[in-house]
Amino acid sequence: MSKPTTSKGKVPTRTLFWTELVCSYCNETTAGQYVASKVPIRSMKLEAQRAGWVFEGVDAFCREAHRQAWHEQQDTA
């Protein structure tokens, strides 16, 4: 069996991935974009905040009411 040949000097194919922020309470999304390497978390978060999203720790919420409802749900669990 022969070994596959590798072509040196060629740039590898970049795979794009769709990323977006998701509300921890209702699963609504915002600030989506394609990325090929590092996810631009800071810019996505700023875009979401301009749209009225709120953040707490690692959780994102599309509105303050959902942040509060999420807390109530966690307290009863």
PDB file of N, CA and C in Angstrom:
ATOM      1  N   MET A   1       0.837  -1.171   0.000  1.00  0.00           N
ATOM      2  CA  MET A   1       0.000   0.000   0.000  1.00  0.00           C
ATOM      3  C   MET A   1       0.889   1.244   0.000  1.00  0.00           C
ATOM      4  N   SER A   2       0.551   2.226  -0.789  1.00  0.00           N
ATOM      5  CA  SER A   2       1.375   3.432  -0.833  1.00  0.00           C
ATOM      6  C   SER A   2       0.859   4.475   0.151  1.00  0.00           C
ATOM      7  N   LYS A   3       1.778   5.306   0.598  1.00  0.00           N
ATOM      8  CA  LYS A   3       1.416   6.378   1.522  1.00  0.00           C
ATOM      9  C   LYS A   3       0.769   7.523   0.739  1.00  0.00           C
ATOM     10  N   PRO A   4      -0.213   8.183   1.339  1.00  0.00           N
ATOM     11  CA  PRO A   4      -0.796   9.334   0.650  1.00  0.00           C
ATOM     12  C   PRO A   4       0.230  10.453   0.572  1.00  0.00           C
ATOM     13  N   THR A   5       0.234  11.150  -0.532  1.00  0.00           N
ATOM     14  CA  THR A   5       1.180  12.248  -0.680  1.00  0.00           C
ATOM     15  C   THR A   5       0.587  13.515  -0.092  1.00  0.00           C
ATOM     16  N   THR A   6       1.452  14.313   0.476  1.00  0.00           N
ATOM     17  CA  THR A   6       1.016  15.599   1.015  1.00  0.00           C
ATOM     18  C   THR A   6       1.585  16.687   0.130  1.00  0.00           C
ATOM     19  N   SER A   7       0.792  17.675  -0.150  1.00  0.00           N
ATOM     20  CA  SER A   7       1.281  18.776  -0.974  1.00  0.00           C
ATOM     21  C   SER A   7       1.773  19.879  -0.051  1.00  0.00           C
ATOM     22  N   LYS A   8       3.052  20.095  -0.077  1.00  0.00           N
ATOM     23  CA  LYS A   8       3.661  21.115   0.773  1.00  0.00           C
ATOM     24  C   LYS A   8       3.453  22.482   0.136  1.00  0.00           C
ATOM     25  N   GLY A   9       3.310  23.460   0.986  1.00  0.00           N
ATOM     26  CA  GLY A   9       3.139  24.812   0.491  1.00  0.00           C
ATOM     27  C   GLY A   9       1.691  25.224   0.288  1.00  0.00           C
ATOM     28  N   LYS A  10       0.786  24.283   0.326  1.00  0.00           N
ATOM     29  CA  LYS A  10      -0.626  24.635   0.174  1.00  0.00           C
ATOM     30  C   LYS A  10      -1.210  24.969   1.541  1.00  0.00           C
ATOM     31  N   VAL A  11      -2.093  25.935   1.562  1.00  0.00           N
ATOM     32  CA  VAL A  11      -2.775  26.323   2.787  1.00  0.00           C
ATOM     33  C   VAL A  11      -3.878  25.321   3.049  1.00  0.00           C
ATOM     34  N   PRO A  12      -3.981  24.813   4.287  1.00  0.00           N
ATOM     35  CA  PRO A  12      -5.051  23.846   4.569  1.00  0.00           C
ATOM     36  C   PRO A  12      -6.430  24.500   4.446  1.00  0.00           C
ATOM     37  N   THR A  13      -7.398  23.686   4.140  1.00  0.00           N
ATOM     38  CA  THR A  13      -8.769  24.170   4.035  1.00  0.00           C
ATOM     39  C   THR A  13      -9.249  24.637   5.393  1.00  0.00           C
ATOM     40  N   ARG A  14      -9.851  25.808   5.422  1.00  0.00           N
ATOM     41  CA  ARG A  14     -10.395  26.337   6.674  1.00  0.00           C
ATOM     42  C   ARG A  14     -11.870  25.978   6.749  1.00  0.00           C
ATOM     43  N   THR A  15     -12.259  25.400   7.833  1.00  0.00           N
ATOM     44  CA  THR A  15     -13.654  25.035   8.044  1.00  0.00           C
ATOM     45  C   THR A  15     -14.327  26.137   8.840  1.00  0.00           C
ATOM     46  N   LEU A  16     -15.468  26.604   8.368  1.00  0.00           N
ATOM     47  CA  LEU A  16     -16.220  27.628   9.082  1.00  0.00           C
ATOM     48  C   LEU A  16     -17.234  26.975  10.009  1.00  0.00           C
ATOM     49  N   PHE A  17     -17.381  27.549  11.183  1.00  0.00           N
ATOM     50  CA  PHE A  17     -18.360  27.095  12.166  1.00  0.00           C
ATOM     51  C   PHE A  17     -19.273  28.255  12.507  1.00  0.00           C
ATOM     52  N   TRP A  18     -20.565  27.976  12.616  1.00  0.00           N
ATOM     53  CA  TRP A  18     -21.529  28.997  13.016  1.00  0.00           C
ATOM     54  C   TRP A  18     -21.559  29.050  14.542  1.00  0.00           C
ATOM     55  N   THR A  19     -21.388  30.240  15.096  1.00  0.00           N
ATOM     56  CA  THR A  19     -21.457  30.416  16.549  1.00  0.00           C
ATOM     57  C   THR A  19     -22.473  31.507  16.852  1.00  0.00           C
ATOM     58  N   GLU A  20     -23.160  31.371  17.971  1.00  0.00           N
ATOM     59  CA  GLU A  20     -24.099  32.397  18.401  1.00  0.00           C
ATOM     60  C   GLU A  20     -24.328  32.273  19.892  1.00  0.00           C
ATOM     61  N   LEU A  21     -24.771  33.373  20.489  1.00  0.00           N
ATOM     62  CA  LEU A  21     -25.116  33.353  21.909  1.00  0.00           C
ATOM     63  C   LEU A  21     -26.536  32.826  22.058  1.00  0.00           C
ATOM     64  N   VAL A  22     -26.763  32.033  23.093  1.00  0.00           N
ATOM     65  CA  VAL A  22     -28.060  31.409  23.317  1.00  0.00           C
ATOM     66  C   VAL A  22     -28.537  31.771  24.726  1.00  0.00           C
ATOM     67  N   CYS A  23     -29.786  32.212  24.842  1.00  0.00           N
ATOM     68  CA  CYS A  23     -30.367  32.540  26.146  1.00  0.00           C
ATOM     69  C   CYS A  23     -30.448  31.276  26.991  1.00  0.00           C
ATOM     70  N   SER A  24     -29.955  31.359  28.220  1.00  0.00           N
ATOM     71  CA  SER A  24     -29.962  30.211  29.123  1.00  0.00           C
ATOM     72  C   SER A  24     -31.363  29.824  29.573  1.00  0.00           C
ATOM     73  N   TYR A  25     -32.333  30.701  29.345  1.00  0.00           N
ATOM     74  CA  TYR A  25     -33.695  30.421  29.794  1.00  0.00           C
ATOM     75  C   TYR A  25     -34.595  29.946  28.656  1.00  0.00           C
ATOM     76  N   CYS A  26     -34.626  30.680  27.539  1.00  0.00           N
ATOM     77  CA  CYS A  26     -35.594  30.352  26.480  1.00  0.00           C
ATOM     78  C   CYS A  26     -34.964  29.844  25.188  1.00  0.00           C
ATOM     79  N   ASN A  27     -33.654  29.796  25.121  1.00  0.00           N
ATOM     80  CA  ASN A  27     -32.907  29.325  23.949  1.00  0.00           C
ATOM     81  C   ASN A  27     -32.986  30.255  22.736  1.00  0.00           C
ATOM     82  N   GLU A  28     -33.430  31.493  22.906  1.00  0.00           N
ATOM     83  CA  GLU A  28     -33.377  32.466  21.813  1.00  0.00           C
ATOM     84  C   GLU A  28     -31.906  32.771  21.531  1.00  0.00           C
ATOM     85  N   THR A  29     -31.615  33.145  20.296  1.00  0.00           N
ATOM     86  CA  THR A  29     -30.224  33.384  19.918  1.00  0.00           C
ATOM     87  C   THR A  29     -30.011  34.813  19.441  1.00  0.00           C
ATOM     88  N   THR A  30     -28.755  35.235  19.478  1.00  0.00           N
ATOM     89  CA  THR A  30     -28.354  36.545  18.968  1.00  0.00           C
ATOM     90  C   THR A  30     -26.871  36.527  18.653  1.00  0.00           C
ATOM     91  N   ALA A  31     -26.409  37.556  17.996  1.00  0.00           N
ATOM     92  CA  ALA A  31     -24.987  37.792  17.734  1.00  0.00           C
ATOM     93  C   ALA A  31     -24.302  36.597  17.083  1.00  0.00           C
ATOM     94  N   GLY A  32     -24.928  35.995  16.094  1.00  0.00           N
ATOM     95  CA  GLY A  32     -24.326  34.859  15.425  1.00  0.00           C
ATOM     96  C   GLY A  32     -23.385  35.263  14.314  1.00  0.00           C
ATOM     97  N   GLN A  33     -22.365  34.445  14.102  1.00  0.00           N
ATOM     98  CA  GLN A  33     -21.437  34.683  13.006  1.00  0.00           C
ATOM     99  C   GLN A  33     -20.623  33.432  12.713  1.00  0.00           C
ATOM    100  N   TYR A  34     -20.081  33.371  11.504  1.00  0.00           N
ATOM    101  CA  TYR A  34     -19.197  32.274  11.143  1.00  0.00           C
ATOM    102  C   TYR A  34     -17.793  32.586  11.641  1.00  0.00           C
ATOM    103  N   VAL A  35     -17.117  31.563  12.137  1.00  0.00           N
ATOM    104  CA  VAL A  35     -15.727  31.717  12.557  1.00  0.00           C
ATOM    105  C   VAL A  35     -14.927  30.534  12.032  1.00  0.00           C
ATOM    106  N   ALA A  36     -13.654  30.790  11.763  1.00  0.00           N
ATOM    107  CA  ALA A  36     -12.769  29.735  11.287  1.00  0.00           C
ATOM    108  C   ALA A  36     -11.709  29.398  12.322  1.00  0.00           C
ATOM    109  N   SER A  37     -11.602  30.219  13.346  1.00  0.00           N
ATOM    110  CA  SER A  37     -10.607  29.937  14.383  1.00  0.00           C
ATOM    111  C   SER A  37     -11.177  30.356  15.729  1.00  0.00           C
ATOM    112  N   LYS A  38     -10.574  31.316  16.363  1.00  0.00           N
ATOM    113  CA  LYS A  38     -10.999  31.734  17.699  1.00  0.00           C
ATOM    114  C   LYS A  38     -12.362  32.431  17.660  1.00  0.00           C
ATOM    115  N   VAL A  39     -13.240  32.063  18.589  1.00  0.00           N
ATOM    116  CA  VAL A  39     -14.575  32.672  18.687  1.00  0.00           C
ATOM    117  C   VAL A  39     -14.417  34.069  19.296  1.00  0.00           C
ATOM    118  N   PRO A  40     -14.918  35.110  18.628  1.00  0.00           N
ATOM    119  CA  PRO A  40     -14.786  36.485  19.131  1.00  0.00           C
ATOM    120  C   PRO A  40     -15.808  36.782  20.233  1.00  0.00           C
ATOM    121  N   ILE A  41     -15.585  36.213  21.391  1.00  0.00           N
ATOM    122  CA  ILE A  41     -16.550  36.309  22.487  1.00  0.00           C
ATOM    123  C   ILE A  41     -16.831  37.756  22.868  1.00  0.00           C
ATOM    124  N   ARG A  42     -15.794  38.550  23.009  1.00  0.00           N
ATOM    125  CA  ARG A  42     -15.972  39.937  23.464  1.00  0.00           C
ATOM    126  C   ARG A  42     -16.870  40.730  22.519  1.00  0.00           C
ATOM    127  N   SER A  43     -16.625  40.646  21.224  1.00  0.00           N
ATOM    128  CA  SER A  43     -17.440  41.418  20.277  1.00  0.00           C
ATOM    129  C   SER A  43     -18.869  40.882  20.202  1.00  0.00           C
ATOM    130  N   MET A  44     -19.043  39.560  20.321  1.00  0.00           N
ATOM    131  CA  MET A  44     -20.391  38.986  20.304  1.00  0.00           C
ATOM    132  C   MET A  44     -21.165  39.431  21.541  1.00  0.00           C
ATOM    133  N   LYS A  45     -20.481  39.475  22.677  1.00  0.00           N
ATOM    134  CA  LYS A  45     -21.136  39.895  23.916  1.00  0.00           C
ATOM    135  C   LYS A  45     -21.533  41.371  23.842  1.00  0.00           C
ATOM    136  N   LEU A  46     -20.663  42.216  23.306  1.00  0.00           N
ATOM    137  CA  LEU A  46     -20.989  43.634  23.167  1.00  0.00           C
ATOM    138  C   LEU A  46     -22.186  43.838  22.239  1.00  0.00           C
ATOM    139  N   GLU A  47     -22.222  43.095  21.143  1.00  0.00           N
ATOM    140  CA  GLU A  47     -23.356  43.184  20.211  1.00  0.00           C
ATOM    141  C   GLU A  47     -24.654  42.770  20.907  1.00  0.00           C
ATOM    142  N   ALA A  48     -24.597  41.717  21.691  1.00  0.00           N
ATOM    143  CA  ALA A  48     -25.780  41.243  22.413  1.00  0.00           C
ATOM    144  C   ALA A  48     -26.227  42.258  23.459  1.00  0.00           C
ATOM    145  N   GLN A  49     -25.286  42.854  24.165  1.00  0.00           N
ATOM    146  CA  GLN A  49     -25.640  43.860  25.172  1.00  0.00           C
ATOM    147  C   GLN A  49     -26.319  45.062  24.529  1.00  0.00           C
ATOM    148  N   ARG A  50     -25.860  45.459  23.352  1.00  0.00           N
ATOM    149  CA  ARG A  50     -26.518  46.565  22.638  1.00  0.00           C
ATOM    150  C   ARG A  50     -27.956  46.200  22.270  1.00  0.00           C
ATOM    151  N   ALA A  51     -28.223  44.901  22.114  1.00  0.00           N
ATOM    152  CA  ALA A  51     -29.572  44.427  21.779  1.00  0.00           C
ATOM    153  C   ALA A  51     -30.413  44.180  23.034  1.00  0.00           C
ATOM    154  N   GLY A  52     -29.863  44.468  24.225  1.00  0.00           N
ATOM    155  CA  GLY A  52     -30.629  44.342  25.460  1.00  0.00           C
ATOM    156  C   GLY A  52     -30.381  43.081  26.261  1.00  0.00           C
ATOM    157  N   TRP A  53     -29.426  42.264  25.845  1.00  0.00           N
ATOM    158  CA  TRP A  53     -29.121  41.043  26.581  1.00  0.00           C
ATOM    159  C   TRP A  53     -28.401  41.365  27.879  1.00  0.00           C
ATOM    160  N   VAL A  54     -28.561  40.496  28.885  1.00  0.00           N
ATOM    161  CA  VAL A  54     -27.860  40.632  30.162  1.00  0.00           C
ATOM    162  C   VAL A  54     -27.061  39.355  30.421  1.00  0.00           C
ATOM    163  N   PHE A  55     -25.995  39.495  31.175  1.00  0.00           N
ATOM    164  CA  PHE A  55     -25.095  38.385  31.437  1.00  0.00           C
ATOM    165  C   PHE A  55     -24.858  38.235  32.927  1.00  0.00           C
ATOM    166  N   GLU A  56     -24.687  36.994  33.339  1.00  0.00           N
ATOM    167  CA  GLU A  56     -24.358  36.693  34.729  1.00  0.00           C
ATOM    168  C   GLU A  56     -23.444  35.477  34.731  1.00  0.00           C
ATOM    169  N   GLY A  57     -22.202  35.683  35.077  1.00  0.00           N
ATOM    170  CA  GLY A  57     -21.230  34.595  35.024  1.00  0.00           C
ATOM    171  C   GLY A  57     -21.094  34.091  33.599  1.00  0.00           C
ATOM    172  N   VAL A  58     -21.283  32.809  33.401  1.00  0.00           N
ATOM    173  CA  VAL A  58     -21.181  32.225  32.055  1.00  0.00           C
ATOM    174  C   VAL A  58     -22.531  32.155  31.349  1.00  0.00           C
ATOM    175  N   ASP A  59     -23.575  32.634  31.993  1.00  0.00           N
ATOM    176  CA  ASP A  59     -24.921  32.552  31.423  1.00  0.00           C
ATOM    177  C   ASP A  59     -25.314  33.854  30.731  1.00  0.00           C
ATOM    178  N   ALA A  60     -26.050  33.728  29.638  1.00  0.00           N
ATOM    179  CA  ALA A  60     -26.556  34.866  28.869  1.00  0.00           C
ATOM    180  C   ALA A  60     -28.078  34.791  28.852  1.00  0.00           C
ATOM    181  N   PHE A  61     -28.712  35.949  28.912  1.00  0.00           N
ATOM    182  CA  PHE A  61     -30.172  36.018  28.926  1.00  0.00           C
ATOM    183  C   PHE A  61     -30.630  37.114  27.977  1.00  0.00           C
ATOM    184  N   CYS A  62     -31.666  36.823  27.184  1.00  0.00           N
ATOM    185  CA  CYS A  62     -32.129  37.781  26.188  1.00  0.00           C
ATOM    186  C   CYS A  62     -32.865  38.967  26.812  1.00  0.00           C
ATOM    187  N   ARG A  63     -33.248  38.853  28.074  1.00  0.00           N
ATOM    188  CA  ARG A  63     -33.870  39.969  28.799  1.00  0.00           C
ATOM    189  C   ARG A  63     -33.726  39.730  30.297  1.00  0.00           C
ATOM    190  N   GLU A  64     -33.832  40.781  31.055  1.00  0.00           N
ATOM    191  CA  GLU A  64     -33.681  40.701  32.510  1.00  0.00           C
ATOM    192  C   GLU A  64     -34.724  39.779  33.124  1.00  0.00           C
ATOM    193  N   ALA A  65     -35.942  39.796  32.606  1.00  0.00           N
ATOM    194  CA  ALA A  65     -37.002  38.939  33.151  1.00  0.00           C
ATOM    195  C   ALA A  65     -36.611  37.460  33.045  1.00  0.00           C
ATOM    196  N   HIS A  66     -35.897  37.097  31.990  1.00  0.00           N
ATOM    197  CA  HIS A  66     -35.478  35.698  31.846  1.00  0.00           C
ATOM    198  C   HIS A  66     -34.356  35.356  32.817  1.00  0.00           C
ATOM    199  N   ARG A  67     -33.504  36.324  33.130  1.00  0.00           N
ATOM    200  CA  ARG A  67     -32.464  36.084  34.137  1.00  0.00           C
ATOM    201  C   ARG A  67     -33.117  35.806  35.485  1.00  0.00           C
ATOM    202  N   GLN A  68     -34.107  36.611  35.844  1.00  0.00           N
ATOM    203  CA  GLN A  68     -34.802  36.426  37.120  1.00  0.00           C
ATOM    204  C   GLN A  68     -35.566  35.104  37.145  1.00  0.00           C
ATOM    205  N   ALA A  69     -36.254  34.777  36.064  1.00  0.00           N
ATOM    206  CA  ALA A  69     -37.000  33.520  35.987  1.00  0.00           C
ATOM    207  C   ALA A  69     -36.053  32.329  36.079  1.00  0.00           C
ATOM    208  N   TRP A  70     -34.881  32.433  35.480  1.00  0.00           N
ATOM    209  CA  TRP A  70     -33.887  31.366  35.537  1.00  0.00           C
ATOM    210  C   TRP A  70     -33.445  31.141  36.979  1.00  0.00           C
ATOM    211  N   HIS A  71     -33.244  32.240  37.725  1.00  0.00           N
ATOM    212  CA  HIS A  71     -32.868  32.126  39.141  1.00  0.00           C
ATOM    213  C   HIS A  71     -33.968  31.447  39.947  1.00  0.00           C
ATOM    214  N   GLU A  72     -35.189  31.828  39.700  1.00  0.00           N
ATOM    215  CA  GLU A  72     -36.312  31.211  40.416  1.00  0.00           C
ATOM    216  C   GLU A  72     -36.384  29.724  40.110  1.00  0.00           C
ATOM    217  N   GLN A  73     -36.148  29.363  38.856  1.00  0.00           N
ATOM    218  CA  GLN A  73     -36.171  27.960  38.451  1.00  0.00           C
ATOM    219  C   GLN A  73     -35.036  27.183  39.132  1.00  0.00           C
ATOM    220  N   GLN A  74     -33.872  27.791  39.263  1.00  0.00           N
ATOM    221  CA  GLN A  74     -32.737  27.134  39.902  1.00  0.00           C
ATOM    222  C   GLN A  74     -32.977  26.954  41.401  1.00  0.00           C
ATOM    223  N   ASP A  75     -33.647  27.925  42.027  1.00  0.00           N
ATOM    224  CA  ASP A  75     -33.933  27.869  43.457  1.00  0.00           C
ATOM    225  C   ASP A  75     -34.921  26.762  43.811  1.00  0.00           C
ATOM    226  N   THR A  76     -35.859  26.475  42.886  1.00  0.00           N
ATOM    227  CA  THR A  76     -36.866  25.454  43.162  1.00  0.00           C
ATOM    228  C   THR A  76     -36.405  24.048  42.813  1.00  0.00           C
ATOM    229  N   ALA A  77     -35.306  23.971  42.070  1.00  0.00           N
ATOM    230  CA  ALA A  77     -34.803  22.637  41.642  1.00  0.00           C
ATOM    231  C   ALA A  77     -34.070  21.925  42.747  1.00  0.00           C
TER     232      ALA A  77
END
